[in-house]
């Protein structure tokens, strides 16, 4: 998991400039950890492409991934992120 103290705002904005990643963040905004493969993300992309987008979000510190057997769940690090960049996620989600 990325140390948010080392995450720069420009890196977050670069990650969220992609509409697919912004859509993923919007879906995760509820706070629940969702299954990567079965949740309707609102994107019609291959599993490999979605994995790429999940990796980018995880590396910039926006999400965390939990392994549960053979499946993986992803969750927005909303509270942690709010401490580092107050109001940013809400502004991005509501403007999208």
PDB file of N, CA and C in Angstrom:
ATOM      1  N   UNK A   1       0.848  -1.167   0.000  1.00  0.00           N
ATOM      2  CA  UNK A   1       0.000   0.000   0.000  1.00  0.00           C
ATOM      3  C   UNK A   1       0.900   1.238   0.000  1.00  0.00           C
ATOM      4  N   UNK A   2       0.558   2.189  -0.839  1.00  0.00           N
ATOM      5  CA  UNK A   2       1.348   3.408  -0.963  1.00  0.00           C
ATOM      6  C   UNK A   2       1.261   4.244   0.308  1.00  0.00           C
ATOM      7  N   UNK A   3       2.393   4.832   0.690  1.00  0.00           N
ATOM      8  CA  UNK A   3       2.444   5.754   1.813  1.00  0.00           C
ATOM      9  C   UNK A   3       1.930   7.100   1.316  1.00  0.00           C
ATOM     10  N   UNK A   4       0.763   7.502   1.773  1.00  0.00           N
ATOM     11  CA  UNK A   4       0.146   8.727   1.268  1.00  0.00           C
ATOM     12  C   UNK A   4       0.946   9.979   1.600  1.00  0.00           C
ATOM     13  N   UNK A   5       1.795   9.929   2.611  1.00  0.00           N
ATOM     14  CA  UNK A   5       2.623  11.089   2.929  1.00  0.00           C
ATOM     15  C   UNK A   5       3.597  11.381   1.787  1.00  0.00           C
ATOM     16  N   UNK A   6       3.903  10.373   0.980  1.00  0.00           N
ATOM     17  CA  UNK A   6       4.843  10.545  -0.136  1.00  0.00           C
ATOM     18  C   UNK A   6       4.143  10.789  -1.473  1.00  0.00           C
ATOM     19  N   UNK A   7       2.842  10.683  -1.491  1.00  0.00           N
ATOM     20  CA  UNK A   7       2.082  10.853  -2.726  1.00  0.00           C
ATOM     21  C   UNK A   7       1.940  12.335  -3.036  1.00  0.00           C
ATOM     22  N   UNK A   8       2.242  12.696  -4.261  1.00  0.00           N
ATOM     23  CA  UNK A   8       2.119  14.083  -4.709  1.00  0.00           C
ATOM     24  C   UNK A   8       0.769  14.291  -5.392  1.00  0.00           C
ATOM     25  N   UNK A   9       0.224  15.474  -5.248  1.00  0.00           N
ATOM     26  CA  UNK A   9      -1.060  15.808  -5.854  1.00  0.00           C
ATOM     27  C   UNK A   9      -1.033  15.609  -7.364  1.00  0.00           C
ATOM     28  N   UNK A  10       0.048  15.969  -8.002  1.00  0.00           N
ATOM     29  CA  UNK A  10       0.139  15.825  -9.458  1.00  0.00           C
ATOM     30  C   UNK A  10       0.005  14.364  -9.876  1.00  0.00           C
ATOM     31  N   UNK A  11       0.517  13.432  -9.091  1.00  0.00           N
ATOM     32  CA  UNK A  11       0.404  12.006  -9.402  1.00  0.00           C
ATOM     33  C   UNK A  11      -1.049  11.534  -9.288  1.00  0.00           C
ATOM     34  N   UNK A  12      -1.752  12.045  -8.300  1.00  0.00           N
ATOM     35  CA  UNK A  12      -3.168  11.702  -8.125  1.00  0.00           C
ATOM     36  C   UNK A  12      -3.972  12.222  -9.319  1.00  0.00           C
ATOM     37  N   UNK A  13      -3.716  13.452  -9.686  1.00  0.00           N
ATOM     38  CA  UNK A  13      -4.446  14.044 -10.812  1.00  0.00           C
ATOM     39  C   UNK A  13      -4.141  13.323 -12.122  1.00  0.00           C
ATOM     40  N   UNK A  14      -2.892  12.898 -12.305  1.00  0.00           N
ATOM     41  CA  UNK A  14      -2.539  12.116 -13.494  1.00  0.00           C
ATOM     42  C   UNK A  14      -3.311  10.804 -13.525  1.00  0.00           C
ATOM     43  N   UNK A  15      -3.461  10.183 -12.366  1.00  0.00           N
ATOM     44  CA  UNK A  15      -4.185   8.911 -12.301  1.00  0.00           C
ATOM     45  C   UNK A  15      -5.661   9.099 -12.605  1.00  0.00           C
ATOM     46  N   UNK A  16      -6.226  10.195 -12.142  1.00  0.00           N
ATOM     47  CA  UNK A  16      -7.668  10.394 -12.275  1.00  0.00           C
ATOM     48  C   UNK A  16      -8.077  11.136 -13.539  1.00  0.00           C
ATOM     49  N   UNK A  17      -7.126  11.520 -14.363  1.00  0.00           N
ATOM     50  CA  UNK A  17      -7.473  12.165 -15.630  1.00  0.00           C
ATOM     51  C   UNK A  17      -8.093  11.148 -16.594  1.00  0.00           C
ATOM     52  N   UNK A  18      -7.817   9.880 -16.375  1.00  0.00           N
ATOM     53  CA  UNK A  18      -8.398   8.826 -17.213  1.00  0.00           C
ATOM     54  C   UNK A  18      -9.843   8.593 -16.782  1.00  0.00           C
ATOM     55  N   UNK A  19     -10.791   8.652 -17.725  1.00  0.00           N
ATOM     56  CA  UNK A  19     -12.207   8.496 -17.359  1.00  0.00           C
ATOM     57  C   UNK A  19     -12.549   7.137 -16.746  1.00  0.00           C
ATOM     58  N   UNK A  20     -11.835   6.087 -17.128  1.00  0.00           N
ATOM     59  CA  UNK A  20     -12.103   4.755 -16.558  1.00  0.00           C
ATOM     60  C   UNK A  20     -11.730   4.744 -15.082  1.00  0.00           C
ATOM     61  N   UNK A  21     -10.580   5.284 -14.745  1.00  0.00           N
ATOM     62  CA  UNK A  21     -10.156   5.303 -13.343  1.00  0.00           C
ATOM     63  C   UNK A  21     -11.055   6.214 -12.506  1.00  0.00           C
ATOM     64  N   UNK A  22     -11.477   7.314 -13.071  1.00  0.00           N
ATOM     65  CA  UNK A  22     -12.401   8.182 -12.352  1.00  0.00           C
ATOM     66  C   UNK A  22     -13.733   7.471 -12.115  1.00  0.00           C
ATOM     67  N   UNK A  23     -14.186   6.694 -13.091  1.00  0.00           N
ATOM     68  CA  UNK A  23     -15.415   5.901 -12.935  1.00  0.00           C
ATOM     69  C   UNK A  23     -15.262   4.867 -11.816  1.00  0.00           C
ATOM     70  N   UNK A  24     -14.112   4.213 -11.765  1.00  0.00           N
ATOM     71  CA  UNK A  24     -13.851   3.234 -10.703  1.00  0.00           C
ATOM     72  C   UNK A  24     -13.929   3.915  -9.337  1.00  0.00           C
ATOM     73  N   UNK A  25     -13.314   5.072  -9.215  1.00  0.00           N
ATOM     74  CA  UNK A  25     -13.337   5.808  -7.942  1.00  0.00           C
ATOM     75  C   UNK A  25     -14.770   6.204  -7.582  1.00  0.00           C
ATOM     76  N   UNK A  26     -15.551   6.616  -8.565  1.00  0.00           N
ATOM     77  CA  UNK A  26     -16.952   6.964  -8.296  1.00  0.00           C
ATOM     78  C   UNK A  26     -17.726   5.758  -7.772  1.00  0.00           C
ATOM     79  N   UNK A  27     -17.499   4.598  -8.361  1.00  0.00           N
ATOM     80  CA  UNK A  27     -18.187   3.382  -7.905  1.00  0.00           C
ATOM     81  C   UNK A  27     -17.748   3.026  -6.487  1.00  0.00           C
ATOM     82  N   UNK A  28     -16.478   3.220  -6.175  1.00  0.00           N
ATOM     83  CA  UNK A  28     -15.955   2.883  -4.851  1.00  0.00           C
ATOM     84  C   UNK A  28     -16.262   3.934  -3.789  1.00  0.00           C
ATOM     85  N   UNK A  29     -16.817   5.054  -4.183  1.00  0.00           N
ATOM     86  CA  UNK A  29     -17.045   6.154  -3.244  1.00  0.00           C
ATOM     87  C   UNK A  29     -17.957   5.779  -2.082  1.00  0.00           C
ATOM     88  N   UNK A  30     -18.761   4.738  -2.236  1.00  0.00           N
ATOM     89  CA  UNK A  30     -19.645   4.303  -1.147  1.00  0.00           C
ATOM     90  C   UNK A  30     -18.864   3.795   0.052  1.00  0.00           C
ATOM     91  N   UNK A  31     -17.620   3.400  -0.157  1.00  0.00           N
ATOM     92  CA  UNK A  31     -16.777   2.929   0.939  1.00  0.00           C
ATOM     93  C   UNK A  31     -16.672   1.426   1.042  1.00  0.00           C
ATOM     94  N   UNK A  32     -17.530   0.699   0.334  1.00  0.00           N
ATOM     95  CA  UNK A  32     -17.482  -0.760   0.393  1.00  0.00           C
ATOM     96  C   UNK A  32     -16.300  -1.306  -0.395  1.00  0.00           C
ATOM     97  N   UNK A  33     -15.779  -2.446   0.058  1.00  0.00           N
ATOM     98  CA  UNK A  33     -14.776  -3.174  -0.716  1.00  0.00           C
ATOM     99  C   UNK A  33     -15.531  -4.031  -1.720  1.00  0.00           C
ATOM    100  N   UNK A  34     -15.268  -3.838  -2.996  1.00  0.00           N
ATOM    101  CA  UNK A  34     -16.000  -4.531  -4.045  1.00  0.00           C
ATOM    102  C   UNK A  34     -15.116  -5.512  -4.785  1.00  0.00           C
ATOM    103  N   UNK A  35     -15.733  -6.615  -5.224  1.00  0.00           N
ATOM    104  CA  UNK A  35     -15.011  -7.637  -5.971  1.00  0.00           C
ATOM    105  C   UNK A  35     -14.601  -7.081  -7.330  1.00  0.00           C
ATOM    106  N   UNK A  36     -13.338  -7.233  -7.673  1.00  0.00           N
ATOM    107  CA  UNK A  36     -12.828  -6.694  -8.933  1.00  0.00           C
ATOM    108  C   UNK A  36     -13.500  -7.297 -10.152  1.00  0.00           C
ATOM    109  N   UNK A  37     -13.810  -8.576 -10.105  1.00  0.00           N
ATOM    110  CA  UNK A  37     -14.268  -9.246 -11.317  1.00  0.00           C
ATOM    111  C   UNK A  37     -15.788  -9.284 -11.479  1.00  0.00           C
ATOM    112  N   UNK A  38     -16.550  -9.127 -10.413  1.00  0.00           N
ATOM    113  CA  UNK A  38     -17.996  -9.302 -10.562  1.00  0.00           C
ATOM    114  C   UNK A  38     -18.796  -8.011 -10.457  1.00  0.00           C
ATOM    115  N   UNK A  39     -18.186  -6.956  -9.995  1.00  0.00           N
ATOM    116  CA  UNK A  39     -18.906  -5.702  -9.827  1.00  0.00           C
ATOM    117  C   UNK A  39     -19.046  -4.999 -11.174  1.00  0.00           C
ATOM    118  N   UNK A  40     -20.186  -4.392 -11.394  1.00  0.00           N
ATOM    119  CA  UNK A  40     -20.385  -3.612 -12.611  1.00  0.00           C
ATOM    120  C   UNK A  40     -19.700  -2.263 -12.425  1.00  0.00           C
ATOM    121  N   UNK A  41     -18.572  -2.086 -13.084  1.00  0.00           N
ATOM    122  CA  UNK A  41     -17.785  -0.868 -12.962  1.00  0.00           C
ATOM    123  C   UNK A  41     -18.240   0.214 -13.934  1.00  0.00           C
ATOM    124  N   UNK A  42     -19.185  -0.125 -14.819  1.00  0.00           N
ATOM    125  CA  UNK A  42     -19.641   0.862 -15.784  1.00  0.00           C
ATOM    126  C   UNK A  42     -18.698   1.012 -16.959  1.00  0.00           C
ATOM    127  N   UNK A  43     -17.846   0.016 -17.163  1.00  0.00           N
ATOM    128  CA  UNK A  43     -16.870   0.031 -18.258  1.00  0.00           C
ATOM    129  C   UNK A  43     -16.933  -1.325 -18.955  1.00  0.00           C
ATOM    130  N   UNK A  44     -16.854  -1.318 -20.245  1.00  0.00           N
ATOM    131  CA  UNK A  44     -16.846  -2.571 -21.002  1.00  0.00           C
ATOM    132  C   UNK A  44     -15.430  -2.822 -21.495  1.00  0.00           C
ATOM    133  N   UNK A  45     -14.568  -3.241 -20.567  1.00  0.00           N
ATOM    134  CA  UNK A  45     -13.149  -3.456 -20.874  1.00  0.00           C
ATOM    135  C   UNK A  45     -12.728  -4.852 -20.467  1.00  0.00           C
ATOM    136  N   UNK A  46     -11.642  -5.314 -21.044  1.00  0.00           N
ATOM    137  CA  UNK A  46     -11.139  -6.641 -20.711  1.00  0.00           C
ATOM    138  C   UNK A  46     -10.630  -6.678 -19.275  1.00  0.00           C
ATOM    139  N   UNK A  47     -10.509  -7.876 -18.749  1.00  0.00           N
ATOM    140  CA  UNK A  47     -10.009  -8.073 -17.391  1.00  0.00           C
ATOM    141  C   UNK A  47      -8.594  -7.503 -17.250  1.00  0.00           C
ATOM    142  N   UNK A  48      -7.761  -7.710 -18.273  1.00  0.00           N
ATOM    143  CA  UNK A  48      -6.381  -7.216 -18.234  1.00  0.00           C
ATOM    144  C   UNK A  48      -6.347  -5.686 -18.191  1.00  0.00           C
ATOM    145  N   UNK A  49      -7.199  -5.061 -18.973  1.00  0.00           N
ATOM    146  CA  UNK A  49      -7.236  -3.598 -18.991  1.00  0.00           C
ATOM    147  C   UNK A  49      -7.728  -3.055 -17.653  1.00  0.00           C
ATOM    148  N   UNK A  50      -8.747  -3.694 -17.091  1.00  0.00           N
ATOM    149  CA  UNK A  50      -9.235  -3.262 -15.784  1.00  0.00           C
ATOM    150  C   UNK A  50      -8.152  -3.451 -14.717  1.00  0.00           C
ATOM    151  N   UNK A  51      -7.405  -4.543 -14.788  1.00  0.00           N
ATOM    152  CA  UNK A  51      -6.319  -4.774 -13.837  1.00  0.00           C
ATOM    153  C   UNK A  51      -5.283  -3.665 -13.912  1.00  0.00           C
ATOM    154  N   UNK A  52      -5.005  -3.223 -15.124  1.00  0.00           N
ATOM    155  CA  UNK A  52      -4.070  -2.111 -15.309  1.00  0.00           C
ATOM    156  C   UNK A  52      -4.581  -0.861 -14.574  1.00  0.00           C
ATOM    157  N   UNK A  53      -5.845  -0.536 -14.742  1.00  0.00           N
ATOM    158  CA  UNK A  53      -6.417   0.639 -14.091  1.00  0.00           C
ATOM    159  C   UNK A  53      -6.435   0.488 -12.569  1.00  0.00           C
ATOM    160  N   UNK A  54      -6.763  -0.709 -12.079  1.00  0.00           N
ATOM    161  CA  UNK A  54      -6.731  -0.949 -10.633  1.00  0.00           C
ATOM    162  C   UNK A  54      -5.311  -0.771 -10.086  1.00  0.00           C
ATOM    163  N   UNK A  55      -4.314  -1.231 -10.831  1.00  0.00           N
ATOM    164  CA  UNK A  55      -2.914  -1.114 -10.395  1.00  0.00           C
ATOM    165  C   UNK A  55      -2.512   0.361 -10.272  1.00  0.00           C
ATOM    166  N   UNK A  56      -2.872   1.153 -11.254  1.00  0.00           N
ATOM    167  CA  UNK A  56      -2.534   2.588 -11.222  1.00  0.00           C
ATOM    168  C   UNK A  56      -3.150   3.249  -9.986  1.00  0.00           C
ATOM    169  N   UNK A  57      -4.411   2.960  -9.711  1.00  0.00           N
ATOM    170  CA  UNK A  57      -5.083   3.540  -8.547  1.00  0.00           C
ATOM    171  C   UNK A  57      -4.429   3.081  -7.244  1.00  0.00           C
ATOM    172  N   UNK A  58      -4.039   1.822  -7.190  1.00  0.00           N
ATOM    173  CA  UNK A  58      -3.385   1.291  -5.991  1.00  0.00           C
ATOM    174  C   UNK A  58      -2.009   1.937  -5.798  1.00  0.00           C
ATOM    175  N   UNK A  59      -1.243   2.082  -6.870  1.00  0.00           N
ATOM    176  CA  UNK A  59       0.105   2.636  -6.765  1.00  0.00           C
ATOM    177  C   UNK A  59       0.115   4.095  -6.329  1.00  0.00           C
ATOM    178  N   UNK A  60      -0.909   4.845  -6.711  1.00  0.00           N
ATOM    179  CA  UNK A  60      -0.972   6.246  -6.313  1.00  0.00           C
ATOM    180  C   UNK A  60      -1.591   6.399  -4.911  1.00  0.00           C
ATOM    181  N   UNK A  61      -2.055   5.296  -4.338  1.00  0.00           N
ATOM    182  CA  UNK A  61      -2.550   5.307  -2.969  1.00  0.00           C
ATOM    183  C   UNK A  61      -4.041   5.525  -2.815  1.00  0.00           C
ATOM    184  N   UNK A  62      -4.767   5.563  -3.917  1.00  0.00           N
ATOM    185  CA  UNK A  62      -6.213   5.786  -3.832  1.00  0.00           C
ATOM    186  C   UNK A  62      -6.986   4.568  -3.351  1.00  0.00           C
ATOM    187  N   UNK A  63      -6.490   3.382  -3.648  1.00  0.00           N
ATOM    188  CA  UNK A  63      -7.218   2.170  -3.279  1.00  0.00           C
ATOM    189  C   UNK A  63      -6.305   1.185  -2.556  1.00  0.00           C
ATOM    190  N   UNK A  64      -6.944   0.224  -1.934  1.00  0.00           N
ATOM    191  CA  UNK A  64      -6.232  -0.925  -1.363  1.00  0.00           C
ATOM    192  C   UNK A  64      -6.943  -2.175  -1.872  1.00  0.00           C
ATOM    193  N   UNK A  65      -6.192  -3.245  -2.024  1.00  0.00           N
ATOM    194  CA  UNK A  65      -6.745  -4.489  -2.540  1.00  0.00           C
ATOM    195  C   UNK A  65      -6.591  -5.580  -1.486  1.00  0.00           C
ATOM    196  N   UNK A  66      -7.662  -6.347  -1.296  1.00  0.00           N
ATOM    197  CA  UNK A  66      -7.678  -7.458  -0.348  1.00  0.00           C
ATOM    198  C   UNK A  66      -7.833  -8.759  -1.119  1.00  0.00           C
ATOM    199  N   UNK A  67      -6.988  -9.717  -0.844  1.00  0.00           N
ATOM    200  CA  UNK A  67      -7.130 -11.039  -1.448  1.00  0.00           C
ATOM    201  C   UNK A  67      -8.041 -11.872  -0.561  1.00  0.00           C
ATOM    202  N   UNK A  68      -9.024 -12.501  -1.189  1.00  0.00           N
ATOM    203  CA  UNK A  68      -9.941 -13.406  -0.483  1.00  0.00           C
ATOM    204  C   UNK A  68     -10.012 -14.687  -1.286  1.00  0.00           C
ATOM    205  N   UNK A  69      -9.141 -15.615  -0.943  1.00  0.00           N
ATOM    206  CA  UNK A  69      -9.063 -16.840  -1.742  1.00  0.00           C
ATOM    207  C   UNK A  69      -8.534 -16.516  -3.122  1.00  0.00           C
ATOM    208  N   UNK A  70      -9.310 -16.868  -4.136  1.00  0.00           N
ATOM    209  CA  UNK A  70      -8.887 -16.603  -5.512  1.00  0.00           C
ATOM    210  C   UNK A  70      -9.435 -15.281  -6.059  1.00  0.00           C
ATOM    211  N   UNK A  71     -10.231 -14.606  -5.265  1.00  0.00           N
ATOM    212  CA  UNK A  71     -10.782 -13.331  -5.729  1.00  0.00           C
ATOM    213  C   UNK A  71     -10.115 -12.169  -4.990  1.00  0.00           C
ATOM    214  N   UNK A  72     -10.285 -11.004  -5.539  1.00  0.00           N
ATOM    215  CA  UNK A  72      -9.712  -9.797  -4.944  1.00  0.00           C
ATOM    216  C   UNK A  72     -10.795  -8.731  -4.833  1.00  0.00           C
ATOM    217  N   UNK A  73     -10.742  -8.027  -3.713  1.00  0.00           N
ATOM    218  CA  UNK A  73     -11.677  -6.928  -3.490  1.00  0.00           C
ATOM    219  C   UNK A  73     -10.862  -5.645  -3.419  1.00  0.00           C
ATOM    220  N   UNK A  74     -11.451  -4.595  -3.909  1.00  0.00           N
ATOM    221  CA  UNK A  74     -10.773  -3.301  -3.927  1.00  0.00           C
ATOM    222  C   UNK A  74     -11.623  -2.296  -3.161  1.00  0.00           C
ATOM    223  N   UNK A  75     -10.948  -1.399  -2.436  1.00  0.00           N
ATOM    224  CA  UNK A  75     -11.649  -0.418  -1.611  1.00  0.00           C
ATOM    225  C   UNK A  75     -10.937   0.930  -1.733  1.00  0.00           C
ATOM    226  N   UNK A  76     -11.714   1.983  -1.780  1.00  0.00           N
ATOM    227  CA  UNK A  76     -11.186   3.337  -1.806  1.00  0.00           C
ATOM    228  C   UNK A  76     -10.641   3.685  -0.427  1.00  0.00           C
ATOM    229  N   UNK A  77      -9.456   4.248  -0.372  1.00  0.00           N
ATOM    230  CA  UNK A  77      -8.861   4.675   0.902  1.00  0.00           C
ATOM    231  C   UNK A  77      -9.350   6.098   1.218  1.00  0.00           C
ATOM    232  N   UNK A  78     -10.622   6.228   1.295  1.00  0.00           N
ATOM    233  CA  UNK A  78     -11.242   7.541   1.398  1.00  0.00           C
ATOM    234  C   UNK A  78     -10.794   8.320   2.637  1.00  0.00           C
ATOM    235  N   UNK A  79     -10.849   7.722   3.790  1.00  0.00           N
ATOM    236  CA  UNK A  79     -10.486   8.428   5.027  1.00  0.00           C
ATOM    237  C   UNK A  79      -9.028   8.843   4.988  1.00  0.00           C
ATOM    238  N   UNK A  80      -8.142   7.909   4.630  1.00  0.00           N
ATOM    239  CA  UNK A  80      -6.712   8.208   4.543  1.00  0.00           C
ATOM    240  C   UNK A  80      -6.455   9.332   3.547  1.00  0.00           C
ATOM    241  N   UNK A  81      -7.117   9.234   2.411  1.00  0.00           N
ATOM    242  CA  UNK A  81      -6.922  10.214   1.355  1.00  0.00           C
ATOM    243  C   UNK A  81      -7.452  11.585   1.765  1.00  0.00           C
ATOM    244  N   UNK A  82      -8.551  11.601   2.493  1.00  0.00           N
ATOM    245  CA  UNK A  82      -9.134  12.857   2.965  1.00  0.00           C
ATOM    246  C   UNK A  82      -8.181  13.561   3.928  1.00  0.00           C
ATOM    247  N   UNK A  83      -7.438  12.801   4.713  1.00  0.00           N
ATOM    248  CA  UNK A  83      -6.464  13.386   5.631  1.00  0.00           C
ATOM    249  C   UNK A  83      -5.323  14.060   4.864  1.00  0.00           C
ATOM    250  N   UNK A  84      -4.917  13.462   3.750  1.00  0.00           N
ATOM    251  CA  UNK A  84      -3.795  13.993   2.958  1.00  0.00           C
ATOM    252  C   UNK A  84      -4.227  15.130   2.035  1.00  0.00           C
ATOM    253  N   UNK A  85      -5.358  14.979   1.382  1.00  0.00           N
ATOM    254  CA  UNK A  85      -5.853  15.967   0.424  1.00  0.00           C
ATOM    255  C   UNK A  85      -7.327  16.280   0.748  1.00  0.00           C
ATOM    256  N   UNK A  86      -7.582  17.098   1.764  1.00  0.00           N
ATOM    257  CA  UNK A  86      -8.964  17.366   2.190  1.00  0.00           C
ATOM    258  C   UNK A  86      -9.836  17.912   1.061  1.00  0.00           C
ATOM    259  N   UNK A  87     -10.993  17.268   0.870  1.00  0.00           N
ATOM    260  CA  UNK A  87     -11.980  17.724  -0.093  1.00  0.00           C
ATOM    261  C   UNK A  87     -11.728  17.357  -1.542  1.00  0.00           C
ATOM    262  N   UNK A  88     -10.557  16.835  -1.855  1.00  0.00           N
ATOM    263  CA  UNK A  88     -10.214  16.555  -3.250  1.00  0.00           C
ATOM    264  C   UNK A  88     -11.108  15.481  -3.860  1.00  0.00           C
ATOM    265  N   UNK A  89     -11.269  14.356  -3.179  1.00  0.00           N
ATOM    266  CA  UNK A  89     -12.083  13.280  -3.749  1.00  0.00           C
ATOM    267  C   UNK A  89     -13.519  13.711  -3.985  1.00  0.00           C
ATOM    268  N   UNK A  90     -14.105  14.382  -3.022  1.00  0.00           N
ATOM    269  CA  UNK A  90     -15.489  14.845  -3.185  1.00  0.00           C
ATOM    270  C   UNK A  90     -15.598  15.798  -4.369  1.00  0.00           C
ATOM    271  N   UNK A  91     -14.645  16.690  -4.508  1.00  0.00           N
ATOM    272  CA  UNK A  91     -14.675  17.638  -5.629  1.00  0.00           C
ATOM    273  C   UNK A  91     -14.559  16.915  -6.964  1.00  0.00           C
ATOM    274  N   UNK A  92     -13.686  15.934  -7.047  1.00  0.00           N
ATOM    275  CA  UNK A  92     -13.505  15.200  -8.300  1.00  0.00           C
ATOM    276  C   UNK A  92     -14.715  14.331  -8.625  1.00  0.00           C
ATOM    277  N   UNK A  93     -15.262  13.689  -7.622  1.00  0.00           N
ATOM    278  CA  UNK A  93     -16.402  12.790  -7.837  1.00  0.00           C
ATOM    279  C   UNK A  93     -17.644  13.574  -8.241  1.00  0.00           C
ATOM    280  N   UNK A  94     -17.901  14.689  -7.589  1.00  0.00           N
ATOM    281  CA  UNK A  94     -19.115  15.434  -7.919  1.00  0.00           C
ATOM    282  C   UNK A  94     -18.989  16.196  -9.228  1.00  0.00           C
ATOM    283  N   UNK A  95     -17.779  16.530  -9.626  1.00  0.00           N
ATOM    284  CA  UNK A  95     -17.612  17.263 -10.889  1.00  0.00           C
ATOM    285  C   UNK A  95     -17.614  16.341 -12.102  1.00  0.00           C
ATOM    286  N   UNK A  96     -17.396  15.051 -11.873  1.00  0.00           N
ATOM    287  CA  UNK A  96     -17.287  14.105 -12.995  1.00  0.00           C
ATOM    288  C   UNK A  96     -18.646  13.786 -13.583  1.00  0.00           C
TER     289      UNK A  96
END
